[in-house]
């Protein structure tokens, strides 16, 4: 089996990552490194059985790409993240199935 975390995630975060401070809700701050960007996501809402009964919704939100193994416990909604001198709250967690996740953020 290919170790996607070691071959892709770790090198990508080493090259493109930047420091941040992660604070679990009610916990102590921890220095982490991840890839910060404004994510663009297309969400399709199924409105029926036929393919022509769908609607596309486009939205953008800040996101922080992480390696899950860098966290002592999985991130949760409501946790805090400070990156680029701005405080954010984790609104959603999107695991990638390969040891990483995108934390979808909102300004605190």
Protein backbone atom coordinates (compact mmCIF):
# COMPACT_ATOMS: atom_id res chain seq x y z
CA UNK A 1 0.00 0.00 0.00
CA UNK A 2 1.24 3.49 -0.84
CA UNK A 3 1.87 5.76 2.14
CA UNK A 4 0.16 8.87 0.73
CA UNK A 5 0.83 10.81 3.92
CA UNK A 6 4.60 10.28 3.74
CA UNK A 7 4.92 10.62 -0.04
CA UNK A 8 2.57 13.55 -0.70
CA UNK A 9 1.12 15.29 2.36
CA UNK A 10 4.32 15.68 4.38
CA UNK A 11 6.40 17.07 1.46
CA UNK A 12 3.58 19.38 0.33
CA UNK A 13 3.16 20.85 3.80
CA UNK A 14 6.93 21.17 4.15
CA UNK A 15 7.10 23.21 0.93
CA UNK A 16 3.80 25.14 0.98
CA UNK A 17 2.89 25.10 4.68
CA UNK A 18 2.96 27.98 7.08
CA UNK A 19 2.85 28.15 10.86
CA UNK A 20 -0.38 28.52 12.79
CA UNK A 21 -1.64 28.11 16.34
CA UNK A 22 -4.39 25.54 16.84
CA UNK A 23 -6.50 25.66 20.00
CA UNK A 24 -8.99 22.87 20.67
CA UNK A 25 -12.23 24.15 22.22
CA UNK A 26 -11.39 24.36 25.94
CA UNK A 27 -7.82 23.13 25.37
CA UNK A 28 -4.27 24.44 25.18
CA UNK A 29 -2.76 26.09 22.09
CA UNK A 30 -0.47 23.99 19.87
CA UNK A 31 1.86 25.10 17.08
CA UNK A 32 0.94 23.42 13.77
CA UNK A 33 1.89 23.77 10.12
CA UNK A 34 -0.57 23.61 7.24
CA UNK A 35 -1.48 25.03 3.86
CA UNK A 36 -3.73 28.08 4.14
CA UNK A 37 -5.88 29.16 1.20
CA UNK A 38 -9.31 30.38 0.18
CA UNK A 39 -11.08 27.20 -0.91
CA UNK A 40 -13.56 27.12 -3.75
CA UNK A 41 -16.11 24.33 -3.51
CA UNK A 42 -18.97 23.37 -5.77
CA UNK A 43 -21.82 21.67 -3.94
CA UNK A 44 -24.52 19.93 -5.98
CA UNK A 45 -27.90 19.60 -4.31
CA UNK A 46 -29.94 16.65 -5.61
CA UNK A 47 -33.54 17.74 -6.18
CA UNK A 48 -34.88 14.54 -7.73
CA UNK A 49 -34.10 11.30 -9.49
CA UNK A 50 -33.34 12.85 -12.90
CA UNK A 51 -29.96 14.52 -13.48
CA UNK A 52 -31.65 17.70 -14.75
CA UNK A 53 -33.17 18.14 -11.26
CA UNK A 54 -29.95 19.39 -9.65
CA UNK A 55 -28.83 22.83 -8.65
CA UNK A 56 -25.22 23.99 -8.31
CA UNK A 57 -24.20 26.16 -5.39
CA UNK A 58 -20.78 27.78 -5.39
CA UNK A 59 -19.16 29.10 -2.24
CA UNK A 60 -15.75 30.16 -0.98
CA UNK A 61 -14.30 29.95 2.49
CA UNK A 62 -10.85 30.06 4.03
CA UNK A 63 -9.38 26.61 4.57
CA UNK A 64 -6.32 25.11 6.24
CA UNK A 65 -4.91 21.84 4.90
CA UNK A 66 -3.38 19.61 7.59
CA UNK A 67 -1.88 16.21 8.31
CA UNK A 68 -4.11 14.49 10.86
CA UNK A 69 -1.11 12.85 12.56
CA UNK A 70 0.11 16.34 13.59
CA UNK A 71 -2.89 16.59 15.94
CA UNK A 72 -3.14 14.71 19.26
CA UNK A 73 -6.92 14.40 18.75
CA UNK A 74 -9.01 14.92 15.60
CA UNK A 75 -10.00 18.57 15.04
CA UNK A 76 -13.60 19.45 15.84
CA UNK A 77 -16.08 22.18 15.00
CA UNK A 78 -15.62 25.17 17.28
CA UNK A 79 -11.84 24.75 17.67
CA UNK A 80 -9.71 27.83 17.06
CA UNK A 81 -6.94 28.52 14.57
CA UNK A 82 -4.74 31.60 14.34
CA UNK A 83 -2.97 32.02 11.00
CA UNK A 84 -1.52 35.14 9.33
CA UNK A 85 -2.39 37.17 12.46
CA UNK A 86 -6.09 36.39 12.07
CA UNK A 87 -8.27 34.27 14.37
CA UNK A 88 -10.59 31.68 12.85
CA UNK A 89 -13.09 29.11 14.11
CA UNK A 90 -13.24 25.64 12.57
CA UNK A 91 -16.66 25.35 10.93
CA UNK A 92 -16.21 21.94 9.25
CA UNK A 93 -13.61 19.21 8.80
CA UNK A 94 -13.19 17.48 5.42
CA UNK A 95 -10.92 14.42 5.76
CA UNK A 96 -9.31 13.41 2.48
CA UNK A 97 -9.14 9.68 3.19
CA UNK A 98 -5.33 9.67 2.96
CA UNK A 99 -4.31 11.05 6.37
CA UNK A 100 -5.05 14.69 5.70
CA UNK A 101 -7.98 17.05 6.07
CA UNK A 102 -9.13 20.53 5.18
CA UNK A 103 -10.37 22.63 8.06
CA UNK A 104 -13.06 24.95 6.71
CA UNK A 105 -12.77 28.21 8.61
CA UNK A 106 -14.72 31.32 9.51
CA UNK A 107 -13.26 34.50 10.96
CA UNK A 108 -13.68 34.59 14.71
